[in-house]
Amino acid sequence: MLRQQVLYLWLAEGALDTPTLGWAFHDGTAGAGPGLPDGEPPYRTGQAALEDGWCMLQSPPPYPLQAGAEHETSYLPNEFVFERRVELDPA
């Protein structure tokens, strides 16, 4: 039986080879599949997630940079969404 795991990575820029700033993991296996480490981001870059077998579902659209807005808080704009399908033992 297949179950989905979803990984969100927020990167420093809109390119997959830039550093990971934040991450979230959603586990459709209810803990029966492989997990991710606590604390540190599971991958240094989005490229590393691809190399480990994650499939990218969504990359961020380009956005205009606005002078003077560097110090304002908002959502993290460089969000990449990855997924993997995990085969679980039906027993």
PDB file of N, CA and C in Angstrom:
ATOM      1  N   MET A   1       0.848  -1.161   0.000  1.00  0.00           N
ATOM      2  CA  MET A   1       0.000   0.000   0.000  1.00  0.00           C
ATOM      3  C   MET A   1       0.904   1.239   0.000  1.00  0.00           C
ATOM      4  N   LEU A   2       0.622   2.149  -0.902  1.00  0.00           N
ATOM      5  CA  LEU A   2       1.427   3.371  -1.040  1.00  0.00           C
ATOM      6  C   LEU A   2       0.881   4.486  -0.164  1.00  0.00           C
ATOM      7  N   ARG A   3       1.786   5.218   0.443  1.00  0.00           N
ATOM      8  CA  ARG A   3       1.435   6.408   1.227  1.00  0.00           C
ATOM      9  C   ARG A   3       2.357   7.541   0.808  1.00  0.00           C
ATOM     10  N   GLN A   4       1.879   8.744   0.937  1.00  0.00           N
ATOM     11  CA  GLN A   4       2.632   9.921   0.492  1.00  0.00           C
ATOM     12  C   GLN A   4       3.264  10.641   1.685  1.00  0.00           C
ATOM     13  N   GLN A   5       4.488  11.119   1.463  1.00  0.00           N
ATOM     14  CA  GLN A   5       5.143  12.032   2.396  1.00  0.00           C
ATOM     15  C   GLN A   5       5.425  13.320   1.633  1.00  0.00           C
ATOM     16  N   VAL A   6       5.205  14.452   2.285  1.00  0.00           N
ATOM     17  CA  VAL A   6       5.374  15.762   1.650  1.00  0.00           C
ATOM     18  C   VAL A   6       6.407  16.557   2.445  1.00  0.00           C
ATOM     19  N   LEU A   7       7.333  17.165   1.724  1.00  0.00           N
ATOM     20  CA  LEU A   7       8.402  17.951   2.329  1.00  0.00           C
ATOM     21  C   LEU A   7       8.385  19.356   1.730  1.00  0.00           C
ATOM     22  N   TYR A   8       8.278  20.361   2.576  1.00  0.00           N
ATOM     23  CA  TYR A   8       8.388  21.750   2.158  1.00  0.00           C
ATOM     24  C   TYR A   8       9.781  22.241   2.526  1.00  0.00           C
ATOM     25  N   LEU A   9      10.474  22.839   1.574  1.00  0.00           N
ATOM     26  CA  LEU A   9      11.757  23.484   1.847  1.00  0.00           C
ATOM     27  C   LEU A   9      11.654  24.943   1.442  1.00  0.00           C
ATOM     28  N   TRP A  10      12.030  25.832   2.346  1.00  0.00           N
ATOM     29  CA  TRP A  10      12.116  27.257   2.033  1.00  0.00           C
ATOM     30  C   TRP A  10      13.596  27.567   1.875  1.00  0.00           C
ATOM     31  N   LEU A  11      13.967  27.953   0.670  1.00  0.00           N
ATOM     32  CA  LEU A  11      15.371  28.172   0.338  1.00  0.00           C
ATOM     33  C   LEU A  11      15.709  29.653   0.366  1.00  0.00           C
ATOM     34  N   ALA A  12      16.991  29.958   0.405  1.00  0.00           N
ATOM     35  CA  ALA A  12      17.455  31.343   0.489  1.00  0.00           C
ATOM     36  C   ALA A  12      17.078  32.142  -0.759  1.00  0.00           C
ATOM     37  N   GLU A  13      17.032  31.468  -1.906  1.00  0.00           N
ATOM     38  CA  GLU A  13      16.668  32.118  -3.162  1.00  0.00           C
ATOM     39  C   GLU A  13      15.800  31.172  -3.968  1.00  0.00           C
ATOM     40  N   GLY A  14      15.412  31.570  -5.154  1.00  0.00           N
ATOM     41  CA  GLY A  14      14.536  30.767  -5.990  1.00  0.00           C
ATOM     42  C   GLY A  14      15.236  29.677  -6.773  1.00  0.00           C
ATOM     43  N   ALA A  15      16.478  29.377  -6.467  1.00  0.00           N
ATOM     44  CA  ALA A  15      17.226  28.319  -7.147  1.00  0.00           C
ATOM     45  C   ALA A  15      17.396  27.127  -6.216  1.00  0.00           C
ATOM     46  N   LEU A  16      17.326  25.930  -6.770  1.00  0.00           N
ATOM     47  CA  LEU A  16      17.403  24.708  -5.966  1.00  0.00           C
ATOM     48  C   LEU A  16      18.736  24.496  -5.265  1.00  0.00           C
ATOM     49  N   ASP A  17      19.782  25.154  -5.729  1.00  0.00           N
ATOM     50  CA  ASP A  17      21.099  24.936  -5.120  1.00  0.00           C
ATOM     51  C   ASP A  17      21.457  25.964  -4.058  1.00  0.00           C
ATOM     52  N   THR A  18      20.460  26.697  -3.546  1.00  0.00           N
ATOM     53  CA  THR A  18      20.713  27.666  -2.473  1.00  0.00           C
ATOM     54  C   THR A  18      20.360  27.044  -1.118  1.00  0.00           C
ATOM     55  N   PRO A  19      20.895  27.570  -0.028  1.00  0.00           N
ATOM     56  CA  PRO A  19      20.715  26.944   1.292  1.00  0.00           C
ATOM     57  C   PRO A  19      19.266  26.913   1.777  1.00  0.00           C
ATOM     58  N   THR A  20      18.948  25.868   2.532  1.00  0.00           N
ATOM     59  CA  THR A  20      17.634  25.729   3.158  1.00  0.00           C
ATOM     60  C   THR A  20      17.554  26.624   4.390  1.00  0.00           C
ATOM     61  N   LEU A  21      16.500  27.427   4.472  1.00  0.00           N
ATOM     62  CA  LEU A  21      16.277  28.304   5.625  1.00  0.00           C
ATOM     63  C   LEU A  21      15.233  27.744   6.588  1.00  0.00           C
ATOM     64  N   GLY A  22      14.275  27.006   6.061  1.00  0.00           N
ATOM     65  CA  GLY A  22      13.213  26.437   6.887  1.00  0.00           C
ATOM     66  C   GLY A  22      12.641  25.212   6.197  1.00  0.00           C
ATOM     67  N   TRP A  23      11.926  24.391   6.975  1.00  0.00           N
ATOM     68  CA  TRP A  23      11.357  23.187   6.390  1.00  0.00           C
ATOM     69  C   TRP A  23      10.190  22.685   7.220  1.00  0.00           C
ATOM     70  N   ALA A  24       9.313  21.903   6.555  1.00  0.00           N
ATOM     71  CA  ALA A  24       8.191  21.238   7.217  1.00  0.00           C
ATOM     72  C   ALA A  24       8.006  19.881   6.553  1.00  0.00           C
ATOM     73  N   PHE A  25       7.601  18.893   7.341  1.00  0.00           N
ATOM     74  CA  PHE A  25       7.432  17.529   6.850  1.00  0.00           C
ATOM     75  C   PHE A  25       6.062  17.030   7.264  1.00  0.00           C
ATOM     76  N   HIS A  26       5.320  16.483   6.306  1.00  0.00           N
ATOM     77  CA  HIS A  26       3.990  15.923   6.578  1.00  0.00           C
ATOM     78  C   HIS A  26       4.016  14.461   6.167  1.00  0.00           C
ATOM     79  N   ASP A  27       3.708  13.592   7.110  1.00  0.00           N
ATOM     80  CA  ASP A  27       3.905  12.159   6.947  1.00  0.00           C
ATOM     81  C   ASP A  27       2.572  11.426   6.808  1.00  0.00           C
ATOM     82  N   GLY A  28       2.227  11.044   5.579  1.00  0.00           N
ATOM     83  CA  GLY A  28       1.018  10.281   5.334  1.00  0.00           C
ATOM     84  C   GLY A  28       1.126   8.827   5.736  1.00  0.00           C
ATOM     85  N   THR A  29       2.296   8.410   6.228  1.00  0.00           N
ATOM     86  CA  THR A  29       2.466   7.021   6.670  1.00  0.00           C
ATOM     87  C   THR A  29       2.152   6.855   8.147  1.00  0.00           C
ATOM     88  N   ALA A  30       1.809   7.930   8.829  1.00  0.00           N
ATOM     89  CA  ALA A  30       1.530   7.896  10.273  1.00  0.00           C
ATOM     90  C   ALA A  30       2.706   7.321  11.060  1.00  0.00           C
ATOM     91  N   GLY A  31       3.929   7.623  10.582  1.00  0.00           N
ATOM     92  CA  GLY A  31       5.125   7.184  11.282  1.00  0.00           C
ATOM     93  C   GLY A  31       5.608   5.796  10.902  1.00  0.00           C
ATOM     94  N   ALA A  32       4.907   5.102  10.000  1.00  0.00           N
ATOM     95  CA  ALA A  32       5.314   3.754   9.597  1.00  0.00           C
ATOM     96  C   ALA A  32       6.386   3.768   8.509  1.00  0.00           C
ATOM     97  N   GLY A  33       6.588   4.903   7.853  1.00  0.00           N
ATOM     98  CA  GLY A  33       7.599   5.015   6.805  1.00  0.00           C
ATOM     99  C   GLY A  33       8.853   5.687   7.326  1.00  0.00           C
ATOM    100  N   PRO A  34       9.803   5.931   6.435  1.00  0.00           N
ATOM    101  CA  PRO A  34      11.031   6.617   6.863  1.00  0.00           C
ATOM    102  C   PRO A  34      10.725   8.046   7.284  1.00  0.00           C
ATOM    103  N   GLY A  35      11.334   8.479   8.344  1.00  0.00           N
ATOM    104  CA  GLY A  35      11.128   9.838   8.834  1.00  0.00           C
ATOM    105  C   GLY A  35      12.274  10.741   8.451  1.00  0.00           C
ATOM    106  N   LEU A  36      12.274  11.926   9.026  1.00  0.00           N
ATOM    107  CA  LEU A  36      13.340  12.896   8.810  1.00  0.00           C
ATOM    108  C   LEU A  36      13.926  13.282  10.151  1.00  0.00           C
ATOM    109  N   PRO A  37      15.180  13.737  10.175  1.00  0.00           N
ATOM    110  CA  PRO A  37      15.796  14.111  11.460  1.00  0.00           C
ATOM    111  C   PRO A  37      15.129  15.332  12.082  1.00  0.00           C
ATOM    112  N   ASP A  38      15.152  15.388  13.388  1.00  0.00           N
ATOM    113  CA  ASP A  38      14.630  16.550  14.111  1.00  0.00           C
ATOM    114  C   ASP A  38      15.698  17.626  14.211  1.00  0.00           C
ATOM    115  N   GLY A  39      15.282  18.854  14.316  1.00  0.00           N
ATOM    116  CA  GLY A  39      16.211  19.961  14.564  1.00  0.00           C
ATOM    117  C   GLY A  39      16.752  20.601  13.307  1.00  0.00           C
ATOM    118  N   GLU A  40      17.738  19.982  12.700  1.00  0.00           N
ATOM    119  CA  GLU A  40      18.387  20.546  11.522  1.00  0.00           C
ATOM    120  C   GLU A  40      17.566  20.255  10.267  1.00  0.00           C
ATOM    121  N   PRO A  41      17.660  21.109   9.248  1.00  0.00           N
ATOM    122  CA  PRO A  41      16.979  20.793   7.986  1.00  0.00           C
ATOM    123  C   PRO A  41      17.478  19.450   7.438  1.00  0.00           C
ATOM    124  N   PRO A  42      16.591  18.649   6.867  1.00  0.00           N
ATOM    125  CA  PRO A  42      16.993  17.335   6.383  1.00  0.00           C
ATOM    126  C   PRO A  42      17.898  17.396   5.152  1.00  0.00           C
ATOM    127  N   TYR A  43      17.864  18.508   4.421  1.00  0.00           N
ATOM    128  CA  TYR A  43      18.712  18.687   3.236  1.00  0.00           C
ATOM    129  C   TYR A  43      19.256  20.103   3.225  1.00  0.00           C
ATOM    130  N   ARG A  44      20.535  20.230   2.854  1.00  0.00           N
ATOM    131  CA  ARG A  44      21.155  21.560   2.782  1.00  0.00           C
ATOM    132  C   ARG A  44      20.550  22.402   1.663  1.00  0.00           C
ATOM    133  N   THR A  45      20.126  21.738   0.583  1.00  0.00           N
ATOM    134  CA  THR A  45      19.564  22.434  -0.580  1.00  0.00           C
ATOM    135  C   THR A  45      18.409  21.604  -1.142  1.00  0.00           C
ATOM    136  N   GLY A  46      17.632  22.216  -2.013  1.00  0.00           N
ATOM    137  CA  GLY A  46      16.601  21.478  -2.722  1.00  0.00           C
ATOM    138  C   GLY A  46      17.197  20.464  -3.677  1.00  0.00           C
ATOM    139  N   GLN A  47      18.341  20.791  -4.243  1.00  0.00           N
ATOM    140  CA  GLN A  47      19.035  19.869  -5.134  1.00  0.00           C
ATOM    141  C   GLN A  47      19.363  18.566  -4.410  1.00  0.00           C
ATOM    142  N   ALA A  48      19.774  18.665  -3.150  1.00  0.00           N
ATOM    143  CA  ALA A  48      20.094  17.470  -2.361  1.00  0.00           C
ATOM    144  C   ALA A  48      18.850  16.602  -2.150  1.00  0.00           C
ATOM    145  N   ALA A  49      17.685  17.211  -1.988  1.00  0.00           N
ATOM    146  CA  ALA A  49      16.439  16.443  -1.850  1.00  0.00           C
ATOM    147  C   ALA A  49      16.130  15.687  -3.143  1.00  0.00           C
ATOM    148  N   LEU A  50      16.329  16.334  -4.286  1.00  0.00           N
ATOM    149  CA  LEU A  50      16.125  15.655  -5.572  1.00  0.00           C
ATOM    150  C   LEU A  50      17.079  14.471  -5.711  1.00  0.00           C
ATOM    151  N   GLU A  51      18.327  14.678  -5.335  1.00  0.00           N
ATOM    152  CA  GLU A  51      19.333  13.621  -5.452  1.00  0.00           C
ATOM    153  C   GLU A  51      19.030  12.445  -4.527  1.00  0.00           C
ATOM    154  N   ASP A  52      18.267  12.690  -3.460  1.00  0.00           N
ATOM    155  CA  ASP A  52      17.893  11.628  -2.529  1.00  0.00           C
ATOM    156  C   ASP A  52      16.585  10.942  -2.931  1.00  0.00           C
ATOM    157  N   GLY A  53      16.018  11.326  -4.083  1.00  0.00           N
ATOM    158  CA  GLY A  53      14.840  10.636  -4.592  1.00  0.00           C
ATOM    159  C   GLY A  53      13.513  11.336  -4.402  1.00  0.00           C
ATOM    160  N   TRP A  54      13.479  12.521  -3.782  1.00  0.00           N
ATOM    161  CA  TRP A  54      12.237  13.270  -3.658  1.00  0.00           C
ATOM    162  C   TRP A  54      11.850  13.835  -5.020  1.00  0.00           C
ATOM    163  N   CYS A  55      10.569  13.901  -5.294  1.00  0.00           N
ATOM    164  CA  CYS A  55      10.049  14.485  -6.540  1.00  0.00           C
ATOM    165  C   CYS A  55       9.517  15.877  -6.243  1.00  0.00           C
ATOM    166  N   MET A  56       9.905  16.850  -7.051  1.00  0.00           N
ATOM    167  CA  MET A  56       9.435  18.222  -6.830  1.00  0.00           C
ATOM    168  C   MET A  56       8.052  18.387  -7.437  1.00  0.00           C
ATOM    169  N   LEU A  57       7.115  18.860  -6.635  1.00  0.00           N
ATOM    170  CA  LEU A  57       5.755  19.112  -7.091  1.00  0.00           C
ATOM    171  C   LEU A  57       5.540  20.564  -7.468  1.00  0.00           C
ATOM    172  N   GLN A  58       6.226  21.452  -6.777  1.00  0.00           N
ATOM    173  CA  GLN A  58       5.980  22.881  -6.992  1.00  0.00           C
ATOM    174  C   GLN A  58       7.231  23.676  -6.665  1.00  0.00           C
ATOM    175  N   SER A  59       7.501  24.649  -7.513  1.00  0.00           N
ATOM    176  CA  SER A  59       8.584  25.596  -7.237  1.00  0.00           C
ATOM    177  C   SER A  59       7.976  26.990  -7.179  1.00  0.00           C
ATOM    178  N   PRO A  60       8.664  27.931  -6.565  1.00  0.00           N
ATOM    179  CA  PRO A  60       8.080  29.259  -6.394  1.00  0.00           C
ATOM    180  C   PRO A  60       8.036  30.033  -7.707  1.00  0.00           C
ATOM    181  N   PRO A  61       6.993  30.844  -7.877  1.00  0.00           N
ATOM    182  CA  PRO A  61       6.981  31.731  -9.043  1.00  0.00           C
ATOM    183  C   PRO A  61       7.989  32.853  -8.825  1.00  0.00           C
ATOM    184  N   PRO A  62       8.516  33.425  -9.883  1.00  0.00           N
ATOM    185  CA  PRO A  62       9.413  34.569  -9.709  1.00  0.00           C
ATOM    186  C   PRO A  62       8.643  35.738  -9.079  1.00  0.00           C
ATOM    187  N   TYR A  63       9.327  36.523  -8.309  1.00  0.00           N
ATOM    188  CA  TYR A  63       8.684  37.674  -7.680  1.00  0.00           C
ATOM    189  C   TYR A  63       9.632  38.865  -7.754  1.00  0.00           C
ATOM    190  N   PRO A  64       9.088  40.056  -7.866  1.00  0.00           N
ATOM    191  CA  PRO A  64       9.952  41.242  -7.938  1.00  0.00           C
ATOM    192  C   PRO A  64      10.513  41.602  -6.563  1.00  0.00           C
ATOM    193  N   LEU A  65      11.785  41.914  -6.520  1.00  0.00           N
ATOM    194  CA  LEU A  65      12.404  42.394  -5.288  1.00  0.00           C
ATOM    195  C   LEU A  65      12.134  43.891  -5.179  1.00  0.00           C
ATOM    196  N   GLN A  66      11.768  44.332  -3.993  1.00  0.00           N
ATOM    197  CA  GLN A  66      11.449  45.733  -3.785  1.00  0.00           C
ATOM    198  C   GLN A  66      12.447  46.348  -2.813  1.00  0.00           C
ATOM    199  N   ALA A  67      13.101  47.378  -3.268  1.00  0.00           N
ATOM    200  CA  ALA A  67      14.065  48.083  -2.416  1.00  0.00           C
ATOM    201  C   ALA A  67      13.366  48.633  -1.176  1.00  0.00           C
ATOM    202  N   GLY A  68      14.011  48.447  -0.031  1.00  0.00           N
ATOM    203  CA  GLY A  68      13.462  48.938   1.224  1.00  0.00           C
ATOM    204  C   GLY A  68      12.625  47.924   1.975  1.00  0.00           C
ATOM    205  N   ALA A  69      12.284  46.820   1.334  1.00  0.00           N
ATOM    206  CA  ALA A  69      11.441  45.810   1.980  1.00  0.00           C
ATOM    207  C   ALA A  69      12.256  44.663   2.584  1.00  0.00           C
ATOM    208  N   GLU A  70      13.592  44.771   2.555  1.00  0.00           N
ATOM    209  CA  GLU A  70      14.444  43.678   3.033  1.00  0.00           C
ATOM    210  C   GLU A  70      14.238  43.332   4.499  1.00  0.00           C
ATOM    211  N   HIS A  71      13.824  44.297   5.299  1.00  0.00           N
ATOM    212  CA  HIS A  71      13.721  44.091   6.744  1.00  0.00           C
ATOM    213  C   HIS A  71      12.284  43.915   7.226  1.00  0.00           C
ATOM    214  N   GLU A  72      11.344  43.793   6.303  1.00  0.00           N
ATOM    215  CA  GLU A  72       9.952  43.564   6.678  1.00  0.00           C
ATOM    216  C   GLU A  72       9.701  42.065   6.804  1.00  0.00           C
ATOM    217  N   THR A  73       8.838  41.702   7.758  1.00  0.00           N
ATOM    218  CA  THR A  73       8.509  40.289   7.917  1.00  0.00           C
ATOM    219  C   THR A  73       7.311  39.928   7.049  1.00  0.00           C
ATOM    220  N   SER A  74       7.334  38.719   6.554  1.00  0.00           N
ATOM    221  CA  SER A  74       6.268  38.211   5.701  1.00  0.00           C
ATOM    222  C   SER A  74       6.466  36.710   5.588  1.00  0.00           C
ATOM    223  N   TYR A  75       5.737  36.085   4.687  1.00  0.00           N
ATOM    224  CA  TYR A  75       5.940  34.663   4.438  1.00  0.00           C
ATOM    225  C   TYR A  75       7.291  34.463   3.754  1.00  0.00           C
ATOM    226  N   LEU A  76       7.813  33.254   3.824  1.00  0.00           N
ATOM    227  CA  LEU A  76       9.062  32.945   3.131  1.00  0.00           C
ATOM    228  C   LEU A  76       8.736  32.678   1.661  1.00  0.00           C
ATOM    229  N   PRO A  77       9.291  33.449   0.744  1.00  0.00           N
ATOM    230  CA  PRO A  77       8.847  33.380  -0.650  1.00  0.00           C
ATOM    231  C   PRO A  77       9.378  32.206  -1.472  1.00  0.00           C
ATOM    232  N   ASN A  78      10.471  31.613  -1.111  1.00  0.00           N
ATOM    233  CA  ASN A  78      11.106  30.595  -1.965  1.00  0.00           C
ATOM    234  C   ASN A  78      10.751  29.198  -1.487  1.00  0.00           C
ATOM    235  N   GLU A  79       9.463  28.858  -1.625  1.00  0.00           N
ATOM    236  CA  GLU A  79       8.941  27.595  -1.126  1.00  0.00           C
ATOM    237  C   GLU A  79       8.944  26.536  -2.233  1.00  0.00           C
ATOM    238  N   PHE A  80       9.601  25.419  -1.955  1.00  0.00           N
ATOM    239  CA  PHE A  80       9.619  24.277  -2.856  1.00  0.00           C
ATOM    240  C   PHE A  80       8.887  23.137  -2.167  1.00  0.00           C
ATOM    241  N   VAL A  81       8.041  22.444  -2.905  1.00  0.00           N
ATOM    242  CA  VAL A  81       7.267  21.337  -2.348  1.00  0.00           C
ATOM    243  C   VAL A  81       7.722  20.044  -3.026  1.00  0.00           C
ATOM    244  N   PHE A  82       8.085  19.059  -2.192  1.00  0.00           N
ATOM    245  CA  PHE A  82       8.553  17.759  -2.670  1.00  0.00           C
ATOM    246  C   PHE A  82       7.649  16.672  -2.110  1.00  0.00           C
ATOM    247  N   GLU A  83       7.626  15.532  -2.799  1.00  0.00           N
ATOM    248  CA  GLU A  83       6.885  14.382  -2.283  1.00  0.00           C
ATOM    249  C   GLU A  83       7.620  13.106  -2.626  1.00  0.00           C
ATOM    250  N   ARG A  84       7.350  12.096  -1.813  1.00  0.00           N
ATOM    251  CA  ARG A  84       7.800  10.750  -2.143  1.00  0.00           C
ATOM    252  C   ARG A  84       6.700   9.797  -1.746  1.00  0.00           C
ATOM    253  N   ARG A  85       6.612   8.704  -2.473  1.00  0.00           N
ATOM    254  CA  ARG A  85       5.646   7.649  -2.181  1.00  0.00           C
ATOM    255  C   ARG A  85       6.384   6.522  -1.483  1.00  0.00           C
ATOM    256  N   VAL A  86       5.814   6.068  -0.382  1.00  0.00           N
ATOM    257  CA  VAL A  86       6.436   5.035   0.437  1.00  0.00           C
ATOM    258  C   VAL A  86       5.550   3.800   0.414  1.00  0.00           C
ATOM    259  N   GLU A  87       6.146   2.670   0.088  1.00  0.00           N
ATOM    260  CA  GLU A  87       5.436   1.396   0.091  1.00  0.00           C
ATOM    261  C   GLU A  87       5.430   0.845   1.516  1.00  0.00           C
ATOM    262  N   LEU A  88       4.225   0.617   2.053  1.00  0.00           N
ATOM    263  CA  LEU A  88       4.085   0.060   3.398  1.00  0.00           C
ATOM    264  C   LEU A  88       3.661  -1.392   3.313  1.00  0.00           C
ATOM    265  N   ASP A  89       4.102  -2.187   4.254  1.00  0.00           N
ATOM    266  CA  ASP A  89       3.701  -3.579   4.345  1.00  0.00           C
ATOM    267  C   ASP A  89       2.232  -3.608   4.759  1.00  0.00           C
ATOM    268  N   PRO A  90       1.346  -4.260   3.998  1.00  0.00           N
ATOM    269  CA  PRO A  90      -0.078  -4.256   4.332  1.00  0.00           C
ATOM    270  C   PRO A  90      -0.424  -5.025   5.607  1.00  0.00           C
ATOM    271  N   ALA A  91       0.521  -5.757   6.167  1.00  0.00           N
ATOM    272  CA  ALA A  91       0.232  -6.568   7.363  1.00  0.00           C
ATOM    273  C   ALA A  91       0.077  -5.752   8.599  1.00  0.00           C
TER     274      ALA A  91
END
